[in-house]
Amino acid sequence: MREFLKSAKGRVFRAAIKMVVRIRFRIGPNVSRNRRKNRRLAMACASLLTPASVMAAALGAWGLAAGPQWTSNFAIRTGLFSHWQVWLGCAALLQTGAHLLNRYGRAGDREVPAHSRPLVRS
């Protein structure tokens, strides 16, 4: 940043003024590579992908029904997303992703419940 300064004798000269701003943050929680946290994140993402899949399927159904004019015209008239096949394909991919993330998120819960264990007599 250059500014013009006047000296005591009235002369004008340029001076570069620099300012250093230091921001100090508090020490936060340590980021760790804990599988449990990754699984929680996977479950959270999977819970958001399922409604997105339902919305994509609804748009696909609307586009499919708009063809024989059972419903009003489809909202997207041109482009890639104007085809109902794309929407149903996206819905299938989103739901598959949600299923895989759910499987990953529940992988640590493999313990067999007590009511389903076989009785062992000693």
N, C-alpha and C. Protein backbone atom coordinates (compact mmCIF):
# COMPACT_ATOMS: atom_id res chain seq x y z
N MET A 1 0.84 -1.15 0.00
CA MET A 1 0.00 0.00 0.00
C MET A 1 0.90 1.24 0.00
N ARG A 2 0.72 2.10 -0.94
CA ARG A 2 1.56 3.30 -1.02
C ARG A 2 0.72 4.51 -0.64
N GLU A 3 1.33 5.33 0.16
CA GLU A 3 0.67 6.56 0.56
C GLU A 3 1.63 7.72 0.34
N PHE A 4 1.07 8.87 0.20
CA PHE A 4 1.87 10.07 0.04
C PHE A 4 1.95 10.78 1.38
N LEU A 5 3.16 11.07 1.80
CA LEU A 5 3.38 11.75 3.07
C LEU A 5 4.06 13.08 2.83
N LYS A 6 3.80 14.04 3.67
CA LYS A 6 4.46 15.34 3.59
C LYS A 6 5.52 15.41 4.68
N SER A 7 6.68 15.88 4.26
CA SER A 7 7.76 16.06 5.24
C SER A 7 7.56 17.39 5.95
N ALA A 8 8.45 17.65 6.90
CA ALA A 8 8.35 18.90 7.66
C ALA A 8 8.58 20.11 6.76
N LYS A 9 9.34 19.94 5.68
CA LYS A 9 9.63 21.06 4.77
C LYS A 9 8.56 21.20 3.69
N GLY A 10 7.58 20.35 3.68
CA GLY A 10 6.51 20.46 2.71
C GLY A 10 6.70 19.60 1.48
N ARG A 11 7.73 18.81 1.42
CA ARG A 11 7.95 17.93 0.28
C ARG A 11 7.04 16.72 0.37
N VAL A 12 6.60 16.26 -0.77
CA VAL A 12 5.73 15.09 -0.84
C VAL A 12 6.57 13.92 -1.33
N PHE A 13 6.50 12.82 -0.63
CA PHE A 13 7.23 11.63 -1.05
C PHE A 13 6.36 10.40 -0.80
N ARG A 14 6.74 9.31 -1.46
CA ARG A 14 5.98 8.07 -1.32
C ARG A 14 6.63 7.20 -0.24
N ALA A 15 5.77 6.52 0.47
CA ALA A 15 6.27 5.59 1.49
C ALA A 15 5.38 4.34 1.46
N ALA A 16 6.04 3.24 1.55
CA ALA A 16 5.29 1.97 1.61
C ALA A 16 5.08 1.62 3.07
N ILE A 17 3.84 1.44 3.44
CA ILE A 17 3.51 1.11 4.82
C ILE A 17 2.95 -0.30 4.84
N LYS A 18 3.55 -1.13 5.64
CA LYS A 18 3.08 -2.51 5.78
C LYS A 18 2.56 -2.72 7.19
N MET A 19 1.52 -3.51 7.28
CA MET A 19 0.96 -3.82 8.57
C MET A 19 0.81 -5.34 8.67
N VAL A 20 1.24 -5.88 9.75
CA VAL A 20 1.12 -7.31 9.98
C VAL A 20 0.06 -7.52 11.06
N VAL A 21 -0.94 -8.31 10.75
CA VAL A 21 -2.01 -8.60 11.69
C VAL A 21 -1.89 -10.07 12.08
N ARG A 22 -1.80 -10.32 13.36
CA ARG A 22 -1.71 -11.69 13.85
C ARG A 22 -2.99 -12.03 14.59
N ILE A 23 -3.57 -13.13 14.19
CA ILE A 23 -4.80 -13.60 14.83
C ILE A 23 -4.45 -14.86 15.59
N ARG A 24 -4.73 -14.87 16.84
CA ARG A 24 -4.44 -16.04 17.67
C ARG A 24 -5.73 -16.79 17.95
N PHE A 25 -5.70 -18.06 17.61
CA PHE A 25 -6.84 -18.92 17.86
C PHE A 25 -6.55 -19.75 19.09
N ARG A 26 -7.60 -20.12 19.79
CA ARG A 26 -7.43 -21.04 20.91
C ARG A 26 -7.09 -22.41 20.37
N ILE A 27 -6.48 -23.20 21.20
CA ILE A 27 -6.15 -24.56 20.79
C ILE A 27 -7.45 -25.36 20.81
N GLY A 28 -7.81 -25.90 19.67
CA GLY A 28 -9.05 -26.65 19.54
C GLY A 28 -8.83 -28.14 19.75
N PRO A 29 -9.85 -28.91 19.47
CA PRO A 29 -9.72 -30.36 19.64
C PRO A 29 -8.76 -30.93 18.59
N ASN A 30 -8.03 -31.93 18.99
CA ASN A 30 -7.09 -32.57 18.08
C ASN A 30 -7.85 -33.34 17.01
N VAL A 31 -7.38 -33.26 15.80
CA VAL A 31 -7.96 -34.03 14.71
C VAL A 31 -7.26 -35.38 14.70
N SER A 32 -8.04 -36.41 14.82
CA SER A 32 -7.43 -37.74 14.87
C SER A 32 -8.02 -38.61 13.77
N ARG A 33 -7.29 -39.64 13.46
CA ARG A 33 -7.77 -40.59 12.46
C ARG A 33 -8.49 -41.71 13.18
N ASN A 34 -9.58 -41.37 13.78
CA ASN A 34 -10.36 -42.34 14.53
C ASN A 34 -11.44 -42.91 13.61
N ARG A 35 -11.48 -44.20 13.48
CA ARG A 35 -12.46 -44.82 12.60
C ARG A 35 -13.89 -44.55 13.05
N ARG A 36 -14.08 -44.41 14.34
CA ARG A 36 -15.44 -44.16 14.84
C ARG A 36 -15.97 -42.83 14.30
N LYS A 37 -15.11 -41.81 14.24
CA LYS A 37 -15.55 -40.52 13.71
C LYS A 37 -15.86 -40.62 12.23
N ASN A 38 -15.03 -41.38 11.49
CA ASN A 38 -15.30 -41.56 10.07
C ASN A 38 -16.63 -42.28 9.87
N ARG A 39 -16.92 -43.23 10.71
CA ARG A 39 -18.18 -43.96 10.59
C ARG A 39 -19.37 -43.07 10.92
N ARG A 40 -19.20 -42.21 11.88
CA ARG A 40 -20.29 -41.26 12.20
C ARG A 40 -20.54 -40.33 11.02
N LEU A 41 -19.47 -39.86 10.41
CA LEU A 41 -19.61 -38.98 9.24
C LEU A 41 -20.27 -39.72 8.08
N ALA A 42 -19.91 -40.99 7.90
CA ALA A 42 -20.52 -41.80 6.84
C ALA A 42 -22.01 -41.95 7.09
N MET A 43 -22.40 -42.19 8.33
CA MET A 43 -23.82 -42.33 8.65
C MET A 43 -24.57 -41.01 8.44
N ALA A 44 -23.93 -39.90 8.77
CA ALA A 44 -24.56 -38.60 8.57
C ALA A 44 -24.76 -38.32 7.08
N CYS A 45 -23.74 -38.61 6.28
CA CYS A 45 -23.87 -38.39 4.83
C CYS A 45 -24.91 -39.32 4.22
N ALA A 46 -24.96 -40.55 4.69
CA ALA A 46 -25.95 -41.50 4.18
C ALA A 46 -27.37 -41.05 4.51
N SER A 47 -27.54 -40.45 5.68
CA SER A 47 -28.88 -39.99 6.04
C SER A 47 -29.32 -38.79 5.18
N LEU A 48 -28.36 -38.06 4.62
CA LEU A 48 -28.71 -36.96 3.72
C LEU A 48 -28.89 -37.42 2.27
N LEU A 49 -28.23 -38.52 1.90
CA LEU A 49 -28.34 -39.00 0.53
C LEU A 49 -29.70 -39.65 0.25
N THR A 50 -30.30 -40.26 1.25
CA THR A 50 -31.59 -40.93 1.02
C THR A 50 -32.69 -39.95 0.62
N PRO A 51 -32.89 -38.82 1.31
CA PRO A 51 -33.90 -37.86 0.84
C PRO A 51 -33.57 -37.27 -0.54
N ALA A 52 -32.27 -37.08 -0.81
CA ALA A 52 -31.89 -36.59 -2.14
C ALA A 52 -32.26 -37.61 -3.21
N SER A 53 -32.12 -38.88 -2.88
CA SER A 53 -32.50 -39.94 -3.81
C SER A 53 -34.01 -39.95 -4.05
N VAL A 54 -34.76 -39.73 -3.01
CA VAL A 54 -36.23 -39.69 -3.16
C VAL A 54 -36.64 -38.50 -4.03
N MET A 55 -35.99 -37.36 -3.84
CA MET A 55 -36.32 -36.19 -4.67
C MET A 55 -35.96 -36.43 -6.13
N ALA A 56 -34.82 -37.06 -6.38
CA ALA A 56 -34.43 -37.36 -7.76
C ALA A 56 -35.41 -38.36 -8.38
N ALA A 57 -35.86 -39.33 -7.60
CA ALA A 57 -36.84 -40.29 -8.11
C ALA A 57 -38.18 -39.61 -8.41
N ALA A 58 -38.56 -38.66 -7.57
CA ALA A 58 -39.81 -37.93 -7.83
C ALA A 58 -39.71 -37.11 -9.12
N LEU A 59 -38.57 -36.48 -9.35
CA LEU A 59 -38.39 -35.74 -10.60
C LEU A 59 -38.37 -36.68 -11.79
N GLY A 60 -37.78 -37.86 -11.62
CA GLY A 60 -37.80 -38.85 -12.70
C GLY A 60 -39.20 -39.33 -13.00
N ALA A 61 -40.00 -39.56 -11.96
CA ALA A 61 -41.38 -39.98 -12.17
C ALA A 61 -42.20 -38.88 -12.84
N TRP A 62 -41.94 -37.63 -12.43
CA TRP A 62 -42.64 -36.51 -13.05
C TRP A 62 -42.27 -36.41 -14.53
N GLY A 63 -40.99 -36.53 -14.85
CA GLY A 63 -40.56 -36.48 -16.25
C GLY A 63 -41.14 -37.63 -17.06
N LEU A 64 -41.23 -38.80 -16.44
CA LEU A 64 -41.80 -39.97 -17.12
C LEU A 64 -43.30 -39.77 -17.37
N ALA A 65 -44.00 -39.21 -16.40
CA ALA A 65 -45.44 -38.98 -16.56
C ALA A 65 -45.74 -37.79 -17.46
N ALA A 66 -44.78 -36.89 -17.64
CA ALA A 66 -45.02 -35.73 -18.51
C ALA A 66 -44.94 -36.11 -19.98
N GLY A 67 -44.29 -37.23 -20.29
CA GLY A 67 -44.19 -37.67 -21.68
C GLY A 67 -45.55 -37.93 -22.31
N PRO A 68 -46.38 -38.81 -21.73
CA PRO A 68 -47.73 -39.03 -22.29
C PRO A 68 -48.75 -37.99 -21.82
N GLN A 69 -48.28 -36.92 -21.21
CA GLN A 69 -49.08 -35.79 -20.74
C GLN A 69 -50.11 -36.20 -19.69
N TRP A 70 -49.66 -37.07 -18.77
CA TRP A 70 -50.49 -37.41 -17.61
C TRP A 70 -50.38 -36.31 -16.55
N THR A 71 -49.30 -35.55 -16.60
CA THR A 71 -49.11 -34.43 -15.68
C THR A 71 -48.78 -33.19 -16.51
N SER A 72 -48.52 -32.10 -15.80
CA SER A 72 -48.13 -30.87 -16.50
C SER A 72 -46.73 -31.04 -17.08
N ASN A 73 -46.32 -30.06 -17.87
CA ASN A 73 -44.99 -30.12 -18.49
C ASN A 73 -43.90 -30.18 -17.43
N PHE A 74 -42.83 -30.88 -17.77
CA PHE A 74 -41.70 -31.02 -16.86
C PHE A 74 -41.01 -29.67 -16.74
N ALA A 75 -40.52 -29.35 -15.55
CA ALA A 75 -39.95 -28.03 -15.27
C ALA A 75 -38.68 -27.77 -16.07
N ILE A 76 -37.87 -28.79 -16.29
CA ILE A 76 -36.61 -28.61 -17.01
C ILE A 76 -36.84 -29.05 -18.45
N ARG A 77 -36.83 -28.11 -19.37
CA ARG A 77 -37.19 -28.42 -20.75
C ARG A 77 -36.01 -28.79 -21.64
N THR A 78 -34.82 -28.26 -21.35
CA THR A 78 -33.67 -28.54 -22.21
C THR A 78 -32.49 -28.97 -21.35
N GLY A 79 -31.54 -29.61 -21.99
CA GLY A 79 -30.32 -29.99 -21.29
C GLY A 79 -30.34 -31.44 -20.86
N LEU A 80 -29.28 -31.82 -20.19
CA LEU A 80 -29.11 -33.20 -19.75
C LEU A 80 -30.19 -33.62 -18.76
N PHE A 81 -30.53 -32.73 -17.85
CA PHE A 81 -31.49 -33.08 -16.81
C PHE A 81 -32.95 -32.97 -17.24
N SER A 82 -33.20 -32.79 -18.52
CA SER A 82 -34.58 -32.77 -19.00
C SER A 82 -35.08 -34.18 -19.31
N HIS A 83 -34.23 -35.17 -19.19
CA HIS A 83 -34.61 -36.56 -19.48
C HIS A 83 -34.88 -37.30 -18.18
N TRP A 84 -35.98 -38.06 -18.14
CA TRP A 84 -36.35 -38.77 -16.93
C TRP A 84 -35.37 -39.89 -16.61
N GLN A 85 -34.71 -40.44 -17.61
CA GLN A 85 -33.76 -41.53 -17.37
C GLN A 85 -32.58 -41.05 -16.52
N VAL A 86 -32.17 -39.81 -16.76
CA VAL A 86 -31.05 -39.26 -15.98
C VAL A 86 -31.44 -39.13 -14.52
N TRP A 87 -32.67 -38.68 -14.28
CA TRP A 87 -33.12 -38.50 -12.89
C TRP A 87 -33.25 -39.83 -12.17
N LEU A 88 -33.79 -40.83 -12.85
CA LEU A 88 -33.90 -42.13 -12.19
C LEU A 88 -32.53 -42.77 -12.00
N GLY A 89 -31.62 -42.55 -12.93
CA GLY A 89 -30.26 -43.04 -12.75
C GLY A 89 -29.56 -42.36 -11.58
N CYS A 90 -29.76 -41.05 -11.44
CA CYS A 90 -29.19 -40.33 -10.30
C CYS A 90 -29.79 -40.83 -8.99
N ALA A 91 -31.07 -41.10 -9.00
CA ALA A 91 -31.72 -41.62 -7.78
C ALA A 91 -31.13 -42.98 -7.41
N ALA A 92 -30.90 -43.83 -8.40
CA ALA A 92 -30.31 -45.14 -8.12
C ALA A 92 -28.89 -45.00 -7.60
N LEU A 93 -28.10 -44.10 -8.18
CA LEU A 93 -26.73 -43.90 -7.71
C LEU A 93 -26.69 -43.32 -6.31
N LEU A 94 -27.56 -42.37 -6.03
CA LEU A 94 -27.60 -41.78 -4.70
C LEU A 94 -28.00 -42.81 -3.64
N GLN A 95 -28.98 -43.64 -3.97
CA GLN A 95 -29.42 -44.64 -3.00
C GLN A 95 -28.36 -45.71 -2.81
N THR A 96 -27.65 -46.07 -3.88
CA THR A 96 -26.55 -47.03 -3.75
C THR A 96 -25.45 -46.47 -2.87
N GLY A 97 -25.14 -45.19 -3.06
CA GLY A 97 -24.14 -44.55 -2.20
C GLY A 97 -24.58 -44.50 -0.75
N ALA A 98 -25.84 -44.22 -0.51
CA ALA A 98 -26.36 -44.21 0.86
C ALA A 98 -26.27 -45.60 1.48
N HIS A 99 -26.59 -46.62 0.69
CA HIS A 99 -26.51 -48.00 1.19
C HIS A 99 -25.07 -48.36 1.55
N LEU A 100 -24.12 -48.02 0.68
CA LEU A 100 -22.72 -48.35 0.95
C LEU A 100 -22.18 -47.58 2.16
N LEU A 101 -22.57 -46.32 2.30
CA LEU A 101 -22.13 -45.56 3.46
C LEU A 101 -22.74 -46.10 4.75
N ASN A 102 -23.99 -46.55 4.68
CA ASN A 102 -24.61 -47.17 5.85
C ASN A 102 -23.90 -48.45 6.23
N ARG A 103 -23.52 -49.25 5.24
CA ARG A 103 -22.78 -50.48 5.53
C ARG A 103 -21.44 -50.17 6.18
N TYR A 104 -20.75 -49.14 5.67
CA TYR A 104 -19.47 -48.77 6.27
C TYR A 104 -19.68 -48.23 7.69
N GLY A 105 -20.71 -47.42 7.87
CA GLY A 105 -20.95 -46.83 9.18
C GLY A 105 -21.35 -47.82 10.24
N ARG A 106 -21.98 -48.90 9.84
CA ARG A 106 -22.42 -49.91 10.81
C ARG A 106 -21.48 -51.11 10.87
N ALA A 107 -20.33 -51.02 10.23
CA ALA A 107 -19.41 -52.16 10.19
C ALA A 107 -18.89 -52.49 11.58
N GLY A 108 -18.78 -51.54 12.48
CA GLY A 108 -18.30 -51.81 13.82
C GLY A 108 -19.34 -52.43 14.72
N ASP A 109 -20.59 -52.46 14.29
CA ASP A 109 -21.68 -53.00 15.10
C ASP A 109 -21.93 -54.46 14.78
N ARG A 110 -20.89 -55.24 14.63
CA ARG A 110 -21.03 -56.64 14.23
C ARG A 110 -21.28 -57.57 15.41
N GLU A 111 -21.34 -57.04 16.60
CA GLU A 111 -21.55 -57.89 17.76
C GLU A 111 -22.94 -58.52 17.69
N VAL A 112 -23.01 -59.80 17.95
CA VAL A 112 -24.27 -60.54 17.86
C VAL A 112 -25.07 -60.26 19.12
N PRO A 113 -26.35 -59.86 18.99
CA PRO A 113 -27.17 -59.61 20.17
C PRO A 113 -27.35 -60.88 21.00
N ALA A 114 -27.60 -60.69 22.27
CA ALA A 114 -27.69 -61.83 23.19
C ALA A 114 -28.87 -62.74 22.85
N HIS A 115 -29.97 -62.21 22.36
CA HIS A 115 -31.14 -63.04 22.08
C HIS A 115 -30.97 -63.93 20.86
N SER A 116 -29.97 -63.64 20.01
CA SER A 116 -29.78 -64.47 18.82
C SER A 116 -28.59 -65.42 18.94
N ARG A 117 -27.90 -65.42 20.10
CA ARG A 117 -26.81 -66.36 20.30
C ARG A 117 -27.37 -67.74 20.62
N PRO A 118 -26.68 -68.79 20.16
CA PRO A 118 -27.15 -70.12 20.50
C PRO A 118 -26.87 -70.41 21.98
N LEU A 119 -27.77 -71.19 22.56
CA LEU A 119 -27.59 -71.58 23.95
C LEU A 119 -26.53 -72.67 24.05
N VAL A 120 -25.59 -72.47 24.91
CA VAL A 120 -24.53 -73.45 25.08
C VAL A 120 -24.65 -74.01 26.48
N ARG A 121 -24.77 -75.32 26.55
CA ARG A 121 -24.86 -75.96 27.86
C ARG A 121 -23.48 -76.48 28.26
N SER A 122 -23.15 -76.24 29.50
CA SER A 122 -21.86 -76.73 29.95
C SER A 122 -21.97 -77.88 30.92
